[in-house]
Amino acid sequence: MSDTPRLSAVQGFALALAATAPWYSIMVTAPLIAALVGSGTALVYLLAAVPAIGVARGMNANDRRDPDKGTVYTWVRRRFPRTGWFAGFCLAATGIIATSGMAYVAADLLAPAAPAWARVGLAALLTAVATAIDVGSIRAMAVLQYLAAVTGAAATLTCLMMVMDGSVILRPTIGSPLDWFHGVLLAVFAYWGFDAIYALTEQAETGAPQRVAVSTMIALMVFFTVGGTACSAADASPVVSNPVVRIAVVTSAVMSLGSTLVPTARGVEAMAEAGEVPSWAAILSEARWSTLAVATVSVFWSGLLLVSEGLFNDTIEALSVLVGVYFTVSSLIAALHAASVRERAEQWASVVLMGVITLSVTAQMFTVGYGDTSLAGVGGAGLIVAGLCLVGAIAALACTRRRTRADDTRGSAPDEEGCRARRRAGRHD
């Protein structure tokens, strides 16, 4: 077993917080929520935290019982083999598309006047830098993420002072119950990213992932409620133009790249170790190759911008459904393994909440006015969701059948404990 120093809870917190890109998320979601509920934006973020906290509690239980870098892929596969592969696919697709999206956002923030092809090139360069750091030293990436945490905290304090000294005047609370429900749908996926820490569970100090999940959720609730309140002002331009806030938004987008790559690459690595990838992709069982592969695919995905920006934007929108799917099944696994009646009830409640949210978002995506594209009167984002799910389902059947045939040929079941032992022995910095 490697004697490489493990990630501390503080380093894990910096990585998990950066993976959510909190201040970029605020700038994107808060104005939309404020248009629905006015100054009720802060409360919407708090309501959205309820299902997110339920998912985090379930993931904590899953990680304590079965610490594995494959996270939701491994947790689900050991109970429902083929469903596990689909959960892993949702995790991988989310990370790849999100990485390409955040890379382009970061490039756009750094060079807003540059032509599209130049921003795509800059996005590829930023992704390459993040990949090099991740492959070289995940601890170095964690240290770099302190910058995002510090600038985010500074922006939060700045917004709090602006609200308290009257620099911004909040609009009144408005909205019907349906508006509030739509607001929560917008806010709940802003919490996505905290689960990056579970992909590093085998490289972290004992118990660190559970502590990180709690501290990250608390920090996000503070960032979102304060930032959301400031952005719900009648005139939010003092907030948006504030230099401290602008720096936080840029660092939030840039620093999220390295953190977003982590769970995706580790999930792909776990799938390769389990033999559930094509034989030519077996090399992905090594961390550096899985990281390089994920980064390469995300760069190619960014090239979609040169074909159709609207189509690219709708693929980003589709991520909410994929996140909702693997959040829901993760809570389901926690519910099935719950050690007490109370824990079981909490996790089933999380399953129902995330299921309702995911289905509601999916239904909206099929409406013409939801995203930037449509086809034959159907929303493009919904069609993208359907297409991705179909690809995932077909690939799940193909890859799990391949592994089953290989197991039958060997005459034995896959050596799960052996795989886990090899992972532990292969920990790297």
Protein backbone atom coordinates (compact mmCIF):
# COMPACT_ATOMS: atom_id res chain seq x y z
CA MET A 1 0.00 0.00 0.00
CA SER A 2 1.29 3.45 -0.87
CA ASP A 3 2.50 5.70 1.93
CA THR A 4 1.54 8.83 -0.02
CA PRO A 5 0.01 11.44 2.32
CA ARG A 6 -3.76 11.40 2.07
CA LEU A 7 -6.02 14.33 1.42
CA SER A 8 -7.11 16.12 4.57
CA ALA A 9 -10.66 17.24 5.24
CA VAL A 10 -9.61 20.84 4.49
CA GLN A 11 -8.13 19.88 1.11
CA GLY A 12 -11.18 17.76 0.33
CA PHE A 13 -13.44 20.67 1.25
CA ALA A 14 -11.62 22.96 -1.19
CA LEU A 15 -11.99 20.39 -3.99
CA ALA A 16 -15.66 19.64 -3.31
CA LEU A 17 -16.61 23.31 -2.97
CA ALA A 18 -14.77 24.23 -6.18
CA ALA A 19 -16.53 21.40 -8.05
CA THR A 20 -19.87 23.13 -7.52
CA ALA A 21 -18.58 26.42 -9.05
CA PRO A 22 -20.77 28.21 -6.47
CA TRP A 23 -20.42 31.83 -7.56
CA TYR A 24 -20.83 31.04 -11.21
CA SER A 25 -23.96 29.05 -10.28
CA ILE A 26 -25.31 32.03 -8.35
CA MET A 27 -24.83 34.36 -11.30
CA VAL A 28 -26.68 31.92 -13.57
CA THR A 29 -29.54 30.73 -11.36
CA ALA A 30 -30.25 33.59 -8.92
CA PRO A 31 -31.59 36.08 -11.52
CA LEU A 32 -33.93 33.41 -12.89
CA ILE A 33 -35.17 32.51 -9.42
CA ALA A 34 -35.55 36.17 -8.45
CA ALA A 35 -37.74 36.74 -11.50
CA LEU A 36 -40.08 34.06 -10.12
CA VAL A 37 -40.11 34.76 -6.36
CA GLY A 38 -38.40 38.13 -5.85
CA SER A 39 -36.60 38.38 -2.52
CA GLY A 40 -37.76 34.87 -1.69
CA THR A 41 -34.68 33.69 -3.61
CA ALA A 42 -32.73 32.94 -0.42
CA LEU A 43 -35.56 30.79 0.91
CA VAL A 44 -35.75 28.92 -2.39
CA TYR A 45 -32.07 28.01 -2.09
CA LEU A 46 -32.67 26.77 1.45
CA LEU A 47 -35.67 24.68 0.33
CA ALA A 48 -33.55 23.24 -2.49
CA ALA A 49 -30.95 22.23 0.09
CA VAL A 50 -33.41 19.76 1.66
CA PRO A 51 -33.24 17.11 -1.11
CA ALA A 52 -29.54 17.85 -1.62
CA ILE A 53 -28.84 17.18 2.06
CA GLY A 54 -30.86 13.96 1.83
CA VAL A 55 -28.70 12.82 -1.09
CA ALA A 56 -25.53 13.77 0.79
CA ARG A 57 -26.61 11.75 3.84
CA GLY A 58 -27.27 8.75 1.63
CA MET A 59 -23.90 9.10 -0.09
CA ASN A 60 -22.23 9.36 3.30
CA ALA A 61 -23.85 6.08 4.33
CA ASN A 62 -22.89 4.43 1.04
CA ASP A 63 -19.30 5.65 1.35
CA ARG A 64 -18.94 4.43 4.94
CA ARG A 65 -20.27 1.02 3.95
CA ASP A 66 -18.48 0.75 0.63
CA PRO A 67 -15.69 3.30 0.13
CA ASP A 68 -14.85 3.20 -3.56
CA LYS A 69 -13.69 5.73 -6.14
CA GLY A 70 -16.43 4.49 -8.50
CA THR A 71 -19.00 6.02 -6.11
CA VAL A 72 -22.53 5.68 -7.51
CA TYR A 73 -21.41 3.26 -10.23
CA THR A 74 -19.96 0.83 -7.69
CA TRP A 75 -22.67 1.30 -5.10
CA VAL A 76 -25.47 0.56 -7.55
CA ARG A 77 -23.66 -2.17 -9.51
CA ARG A 78 -23.17 -4.35 -6.45
CA ARG A 79 -26.94 -4.39 -5.94
CA PHE A 80 -28.23 -4.00 -9.52
CA PRO A 81 -25.37 -4.85 -11.94
CA ARG A 82 -26.70 -3.43 -15.22
CA THR A 83 -28.37 -0.47 -13.56
CA GLY A 84 -24.99 0.26 -12.00
CA TRP A 85 -23.40 0.67 -15.41
CA PHE A 86 -26.13 3.12 -16.42
CA ALA A 87 -25.57 5.09 -13.20
CA GLY A 88 -21.87 5.20 -14.05
CA PHE A 89 -22.72 6.40 -17.53
CA CYS A 90 -24.84 9.24 -16.10
CA LEU A 91 -21.95 10.23 -13.84
CA ALA A 92 -19.44 10.12 -16.71
CA ALA A 93 -21.65 11.98 -19.20
CA THR A 94 -22.38 14.65 -16.62
CA GLY A 95 -18.71 15.19 -15.85
CA ILE A 96 -17.61 15.27 -19.48
CA ILE A 97 -20.28 17.72 -20.63
CA ALA A 98 -19.98 19.85 -17.48
CA THR A 99 -16.20 20.07 -17.90
CA SER A 100 -16.58 21.25 -21.49
CA GLY A 101 -19.25 23.74 -20.44
CA MET A 102 -17.27 25.20 -17.53
CA ALA A 103 -14.12 25.39 -19.68
CA TYR A 104 -15.98 27.46 -22.25
CA VAL A 105 -17.56 29.63 -19.56
CA ALA A 106 -14.12 30.26 -18.07
CA ALA A 107 -12.74 31.12 -21.52
CA ASP A 108 -15.68 33.43 -22.18
CA LEU A 109 -15.14 35.23 -18.88
CA LEU A 110 -11.42 35.61 -19.53
CA ALA A 111 -11.73 36.67 -23.19
CA PRO A 112 -15.30 37.85 -23.83
CA ALA A 113 -14.42 39.80 -26.98
CA ALA A 114 -12.58 36.92 -28.67
CA PRO A 115 -14.24 35.04 -31.56
CA ALA A 116 -15.91 31.72 -30.79
CA TRP A 117 -13.08 29.60 -32.22
CA ALA A 118 -10.55 31.41 -30.03
CA ARG A 119 -12.64 30.87 -26.90
CA VAL A 120 -13.00 27.19 -27.76
CA GLY A 121 -9.23 27.01 -28.13
CA LEU A 122 -8.72 28.76 -24.79
CA ALA A 123 -11.20 26.36 -23.20
CA ALA A 124 -9.14 23.44 -24.51
CA LEU A 125 -5.97 25.01 -23.10
CA LEU A 126 -7.56 25.51 -19.67
CA THR A 127 -8.75 21.90 -19.68
CA ALA A 128 -5.26 20.71 -20.61
CA VAL A 129 -3.71 22.65 -17.72
CA ALA A 130 -6.26 21.30 -15.23
CA THR A 131 -5.66 17.77 -16.54
CA ALA A 132 -1.90 18.10 -16.17
CA ILE A 133 -2.25 19.21 -12.56
CA ASP A 134 -4.74 16.42 -11.74
CA VAL A 135 -2.46 13.79 -13.27
CA GLY A 136 0.63 15.24 -11.61
CA SER A 137 -0.71 15.73 -8.09
CA ILE A 138 -4.26 15.82 -6.83
CA ARG A 139 -2.93 17.44 -3.65
CA ALA A 140 -1.52 20.31 -5.71
CA MET A 141 -4.95 20.75 -7.30
CA ALA A 142 -6.54 20.82 -3.84
CA VAL A 143 -4.15 23.59 -2.75
CA LEU A 144 -4.99 25.62 -5.85
CA GLN A 145 -8.67 25.29 -5.00
CA TYR A 146 -8.11 27.31 -1.85
CA LEU A 147 -8.13 30.35 -4.15
CA ALA A 148 -11.71 29.63 -5.23
CA ALA A 149 -12.79 29.13 -1.61
CA VAL A 150 -11.18 32.39 -0.46
CA THR A 151 -12.53 34.51 -3.32
CA GLY A 152 -15.97 32.93 -2.88
CA ALA A 153 -15.98 33.78 0.82
CA ALA A 154 -14.86 37.34 0.04
CA ALA A 155 -17.69 37.76 -2.47
CA THR A 156 -20.20 36.40 0.04
CA LEU A 157 -19.02 38.86 2.70
CA THR A 158 -19.14 41.71 0.16
CA CYS A 159 -22.73 40.88 -0.77
CA LEU A 160 -23.74 40.61 2.88
CA MET A 161 -22.36 44.09 3.53
CA MET A 162 -24.12 45.50 0.45
CA VAL A 163 -27.46 44.14 1.64
CA MET A 164 -26.98 45.30 5.23
CA ASP A 165 -25.84 48.85 4.40
CA GLY A 166 -28.62 49.39 1.86
CA SER A 167 -26.38 49.52 -1.21
CA VAL A 168 -28.97 47.32 -2.92
CA ILE A 169 -32.73 47.44 -2.41
CA LEU A 170 -34.46 44.07 -2.44
CA ARG A 171 -37.55 43.57 -4.55
CA PRO A 172 -40.68 42.28 -2.77
CA THR A 173 -41.42 38.60 -2.37
CA ILE A 174 -43.69 37.42 -5.18
CA GLY A 175 -44.76 34.26 -6.98
CA SER A 176 -47.42 31.59 -7.01
CA PRO A 177 -46.83 28.12 -5.49
CA LEU A 178 -45.97 26.92 -9.00
CA ASP A 179 -43.39 29.71 -9.36
CA TRP A 180 -41.81 28.65 -6.08
CA PHE A 181 -41.73 25.04 -7.23
CA HIS A 182 -40.03 26.06 -10.47
CA GLY A 183 -37.57 28.12 -8.43
CA VAL A 184 -36.63 25.08 -6.36
CA LEU A 185 -36.15 23.06 -9.55
CA LEU A 186 -33.67 25.68 -10.72
CA ALA A 187 -31.85 25.83 -7.38
CA VAL A 188 -31.54 22.17 -6.42
CA PHE A 189 -28.99 21.27 -9.10
CA ALA A 190 -26.79 24.20 -8.07
CA TYR A 191 -25.70 21.91 -5.22
CA TRP A 192 -24.33 19.35 -7.68
CA GLY A 193 -20.59 18.80 -7.37
CA PHE A 194 -20.19 18.22 -3.63
CA ASP A 195 -20.06 14.47 -4.38
CA ALA A 196 -16.62 14.88 -6.00
CA ILE A 197 -15.08 14.07 -2.62
CA TYR A 198 -16.40 10.49 -2.65
CA ALA A 199 -14.35 9.74 -5.77
CA LEU A 200 -11.28 10.45 -3.64
CA THR A 201 -12.35 8.38 -0.66
CA GLU A 202 -9.44 5.95 -1.11
CA GLN A 203 -6.97 8.85 -1.17
CA ALA A 204 -8.49 10.77 1.74
CA GLU A 205 -8.04 10.54 5.48
CA THR A 206 -10.43 8.14 7.20
CA GLY A 207 -13.80 9.82 7.69
CA ALA A 208 -12.79 12.89 5.68
CA PRO A 209 -15.42 12.47 2.89
CA GLN A 210 -18.26 12.50 5.43
CA ARG A 211 -16.92 15.62 7.15
CA VAL A 212 -16.28 17.29 3.80
CA ALA A 213 -19.85 16.65 2.61
CA VAL A 214 -21.27 18.32 5.72
CA SER A 215 -18.96 21.35 5.59
CA THR A 216 -19.47 21.79 1.84
CA MET A 217 -23.25 21.77 2.21
CA ILE A 218 -23.08 24.38 4.97
CA ALA A 219 -20.78 26.60 2.91
CA LEU A 220 -23.01 26.29 -0.17
CA MET A 221 -26.11 27.21 1.81
CA VAL A 222 -24.36 30.34 3.09
CA PHE A 223 -23.01 31.30 -0.35
CA PHE A 224 -26.34 30.70 -2.08
CA THR A 225 -28.58 32.43 0.46
CA VAL A 226 -26.39 35.52 0.76
CA GLY A 227 -25.54 35.70 -2.94
CA GLY A 228 -29.13 34.91 -3.91
CA THR A 229 -30.43 37.66 -1.63
CA ALA A 230 -28.08 40.24 -3.15
CA CYS A 231 -28.99 39.17 -6.68
CA SER A 232 -32.70 39.52 -5.93
CA ALA A 233 -32.30 43.30 -5.67
CA ALA A 234 -34.48 45.53 -7.79
CA ASP A 235 -31.24 46.64 -9.43
CA ALA A 236 -28.57 43.95 -9.14
CA SER A 237 -26.00 45.79 -11.26
CA PRO A 238 -23.97 46.92 -8.19
CA VAL A 239 -23.59 43.24 -7.28
CA VAL A 240 -22.80 41.96 -10.76
CA SER A 241 -20.28 44.73 -11.45
CA ASN A 242 -18.55 44.56 -8.07
CA PRO A 243 -14.88 43.62 -8.67
CA VAL A 244 -14.74 41.18 -5.75
CA VAL A 245 -17.82 39.37 -7.04
CA ARG A 246 -16.49 39.34 -10.60
CA ILE A 247 -13.20 37.81 -9.44
CA ALA A 248 -15.12 35.16 -7.48
CA VAL A 249 -17.20 34.27 -10.55
CA VAL A 250 -14.12 33.90 -12.76
CA THR A 251 -12.14 31.83 -10.24
CA SER A 252 -15.25 29.77 -9.56
CA ALA A 253 -15.50 28.82 -13.23
CA VAL A 254 -11.77 28.27 -13.81
CA MET A 255 -11.07 26.30 -10.64
CA SER A 256 -14.06 24.02 -11.10
CA LEU A 257 -12.34 22.36 -14.06
CA GLY A 258 -9.84 20.35 -12.06
CA SER A 259 -12.43 19.28 -9.49
CA THR A 260 -15.04 18.30 -12.08
CA LEU A 261 -12.57 16.04 -13.87
CA VAL A 262 -11.89 14.02 -10.71
CA PRO A 263 -15.16 12.07 -10.12
CA THR A 264 -15.62 11.50 -13.84
CA ALA A 265 -12.15 10.06 -14.35
CA ARG A 266 -12.34 7.94 -11.19
CA GLY A 267 -15.72 6.57 -12.24
CA VAL A 268 -14.40 5.59 -15.67
CA GLU A 269 -11.35 4.06 -13.98
CA ALA A 270 -13.58 1.93 -11.73
CA MET A 271 -15.63 0.76 -14.72
CA ALA A 272 -12.45 -0.27 -16.53
CA GLU A 273 -11.13 -2.12 -13.48
CA ALA A 274 -14.39 -4.06 -13.29
CA GLY A 275 -14.00 -5.08 -16.95
CA GLU A 276 -17.11 -3.20 -18.03
CA VAL A 277 -15.51 -1.32 -20.90
CA PRO A 278 -14.45 -2.59 -24.35
CA SER A 279 -11.18 -4.57 -24.30
CA TRP A 280 -9.38 -1.81 -26.21
CA ALA A 281 -10.23 0.60 -23.38
CA ALA A 282 -8.71 -1.52 -20.60
CA ILE A 283 -5.92 1.05 -20.26
CA LEU A 284 -8.49 3.36 -18.63
CA SER A 285 -8.03 1.37 -15.42
CA GLU A 286 -5.00 3.62 -14.81
CA ALA A 287 -5.84 7.02 -13.33
CA ARG A 288 -3.70 9.08 -15.68
CA TRP A 289 -5.24 7.51 -18.77
CA SER A 290 -8.82 7.80 -17.54
CA THR A 291 -8.20 11.47 -16.69
CA LEU A 292 -6.66 12.12 -20.10
CA ALA A 293 -9.54 10.32 -21.83
CA VAL A 294 -12.20 12.32 -20.01
CA ALA A 295 -10.39 15.59 -20.72
CA THR A 296 -9.99 14.72 -24.40
CA VAL A 297 -13.66 13.87 -24.87
CA SER A 298 -14.69 17.07 -23.07
CA VAL A 299 -12.47 19.13 -25.40
CA PHE A 300 -14.05 17.50 -28.44
CA TRP A 301 -17.48 18.15 -26.94
CA SER A 302 -16.61 21.85 -26.71
CA GLY A 303 -16.14 21.76 -30.48
CA LEU A 304 -19.91 21.41 -30.72
CA LEU A 305 -19.99 25.16 -30.09
CA LEU A 306 -18.55 25.73 -33.55
CA VAL A 307 -21.44 23.74 -35.03
CA SER A 308 -24.35 25.07 -32.97
CA GLU A 309 -24.13 27.11 -29.78
CA GLY A 310 -27.82 26.45 -29.09
CA LEU A 311 -27.32 22.69 -29.30
CA PHE A 312 -24.30 22.91 -26.99
CA ASN A 313 -26.29 24.94 -24.46
CA ASP A 314 -29.09 22.39 -24.51
CA THR A 315 -26.65 19.57 -23.76
CA ILE A 316 -25.65 21.52 -20.65
CA GLU A 317 -29.34 21.85 -19.72
CA ALA A 318 -29.77 18.09 -20.12
CA LEU A 319 -27.27 17.45 -17.33
CA SER A 320 -29.89 18.18 -14.68
CA VAL A 321 -31.73 14.98 -15.58
CA LEU A 322 -28.56 12.85 -15.55
CA VAL A 323 -27.59 14.27 -12.15
CA GLY A 324 -31.12 13.65 -10.90
CA VAL A 325 -30.94 10.02 -12.03
CA TYR A 326 -27.73 9.16 -10.23
CA PHE A 327 -28.70 11.17 -7.14
CA THR A 328 -31.97 9.23 -6.98
CA VAL A 329 -30.43 5.77 -7.39
CA SER A 330 -27.70 6.60 -4.86
CA SER A 331 -30.40 7.41 -2.29
CA LEU A 332 -32.20 4.21 -3.28
CA ILE A 333 -29.12 2.13 -2.48
CA ALA A 334 -28.78 3.91 0.85
CA ALA A 335 -32.44 3.17 1.61
CA LEU A 336 -32.04 -0.52 0.79
CA HIS A 337 -29.02 -0.81 3.08
CA ALA A 338 -30.36 1.42 5.87
CA ALA A 339 -29.55 0.14 9.35
CA SER A 340 -32.52 1.72 11.12
CA VAL A 341 -36.16 2.56 10.48
CA ARG A 342 -35.40 6.29 10.74
CA GLU A 343 -32.55 6.12 8.24
CA ARG A 344 -34.66 4.05 5.88
CA ALA A 345 -37.52 6.56 6.06
CA GLU A 346 -35.14 9.49 5.44
CA GLN A 347 -33.62 7.85 2.39
CA TRP A 348 -36.93 6.80 0.88
CA ALA A 349 -38.08 10.40 1.32
CA SER A 350 -34.93 11.48 -0.54
CA VAL A 351 -35.69 8.98 -3.31
CA VAL A 352 -39.22 10.35 -3.71
CA LEU A 353 -38.11 14.00 -3.62
CA MET A 354 -35.32 13.53 -6.15
CA GLY A 355 -37.56 11.34 -8.31
CA VAL A 356 -40.28 14.01 -8.45
CA ILE A 357 -37.73 16.74 -9.15
CA THR A 358 -36.04 14.74 -11.91
CA LEU A 359 -39.31 13.81 -13.60
CA SER A 360 -40.56 17.41 -13.38
CA VAL A 361 -37.39 18.79 -14.96
CA THR A 362 -37.50 16.10 -17.66
CA ALA A 363 -41.09 16.98 -18.57
CA GLN A 364 -40.18 20.67 -18.87
CA MET A 365 -37.30 19.91 -21.20
CA PHE A 366 -39.61 18.44 -23.81
CA THR A 367 -41.50 21.74 -24.14
CA VAL A 368 -40.50 23.94 -27.08
CA GLY A 369 -39.77 27.06 -25.03
CA TYR A 370 -37.45 25.40 -22.53
CA GLY A 371 -34.07 25.55 -24.30
CA ASP A 372 -32.49 26.98 -27.42
CA THR A 373 -33.45 24.24 -29.87
CA SER A 374 -36.50 22.20 -30.87
CA LEU A 375 -37.48 19.61 -33.43
CA ALA A 376 -41.01 18.91 -34.70
CA GLY A 377 -42.55 20.75 -31.76
CA VAL A 378 -40.43 18.96 -29.14
CA GLY A 379 -37.81 20.68 -26.99
CA GLY A 380 -34.25 19.94 -28.01
CA ALA A 381 -33.06 19.50 -24.41
CA GLY A 382 -35.61 16.73 -23.90
CA LEU A 383 -34.54 14.99 -27.10
CA ILE A 384 -30.92 15.18 -25.97
CA VAL A 385 -31.86 13.62 -22.63
CA ALA A 386 -33.71 10.83 -24.43
CA GLY A 387 -30.77 10.27 -26.78
CA LEU A 388 -28.19 10.15 -24.01
CA CYS A 389 -30.32 7.76 -21.95
CA LEU A 390 -30.78 5.49 -24.98
CA VAL A 391 -27.04 5.42 -25.64
CA GLY A 392 -26.40 4.67 -21.98
CA ALA A 393 -28.95 1.87 -21.87
CA ILE A 394 -27.60 0.20 -25.03
CA ALA A 395 -24.01 0.50 -23.82
CA ALA A 396 -24.98 -0.87 -20.41
CA LEU A 397 -26.45 -4.00 -21.98
CA ALA A 398 -23.45 -4.48 -24.26
CA CYS A 399 -20.75 -3.95 -21.63
CA THR A 400 -22.39 -5.95 -18.85
CA ARG A 401 -23.08 -8.83 -21.24
CA ARG A 402 -19.43 -8.78 -22.29
CA ARG A 403 -18.34 -9.03 -18.66
CA THR A 404 -20.85 -11.80 -17.97
CA ARG A 405 -19.51 -13.85 -20.89
CA ALA A 406 -15.95 -13.28 -19.66
CA ASP A 407 -16.93 -14.43 -16.15
CA ASP A 408 -18.60 -17.53 -17.57
CA THR A 409 -15.48 -18.33 -19.56
CA ARG A 410 -13.34 -18.08 -16.44
CA GLY A 411 -15.91 -20.08 -14.54
CA SER A 412 -16.05 -17.71 -11.63
CA ALA A 413 -17.58 -14.46 -10.50
CA PRO A 414 -15.52 -11.28 -10.58
CA ASP A 415 -13.16 -10.94 -7.63
CA GLU A 416 -14.64 -7.83 -6.03
CA GLU A 417 -12.38 -7.87 -2.98
CA GLY A 418 -9.35 -8.46 -5.17
CA CYS A 419 -10.26 -5.47 -7.32
CA ARG A 420 -10.69 -3.29 -4.26
CA ALA A 421 -7.35 -4.46 -2.85
CA ARG A 422 -5.62 -3.60 -6.10
CA ARG A 423 -7.22 -0.15 -6.06
CA ARG A 424 -5.95 0.51 -2.55
CA ALA A 425 -2.47 -0.67 -3.50
CA GLY A 426 -2.56 1.62 -6.52
CA ARG A 427 -3.32 4.87 -4.68
CA HIS A 428 -1.41 7.77 -6.11
CA ASP A 429 -0.85 11.42 -5.26
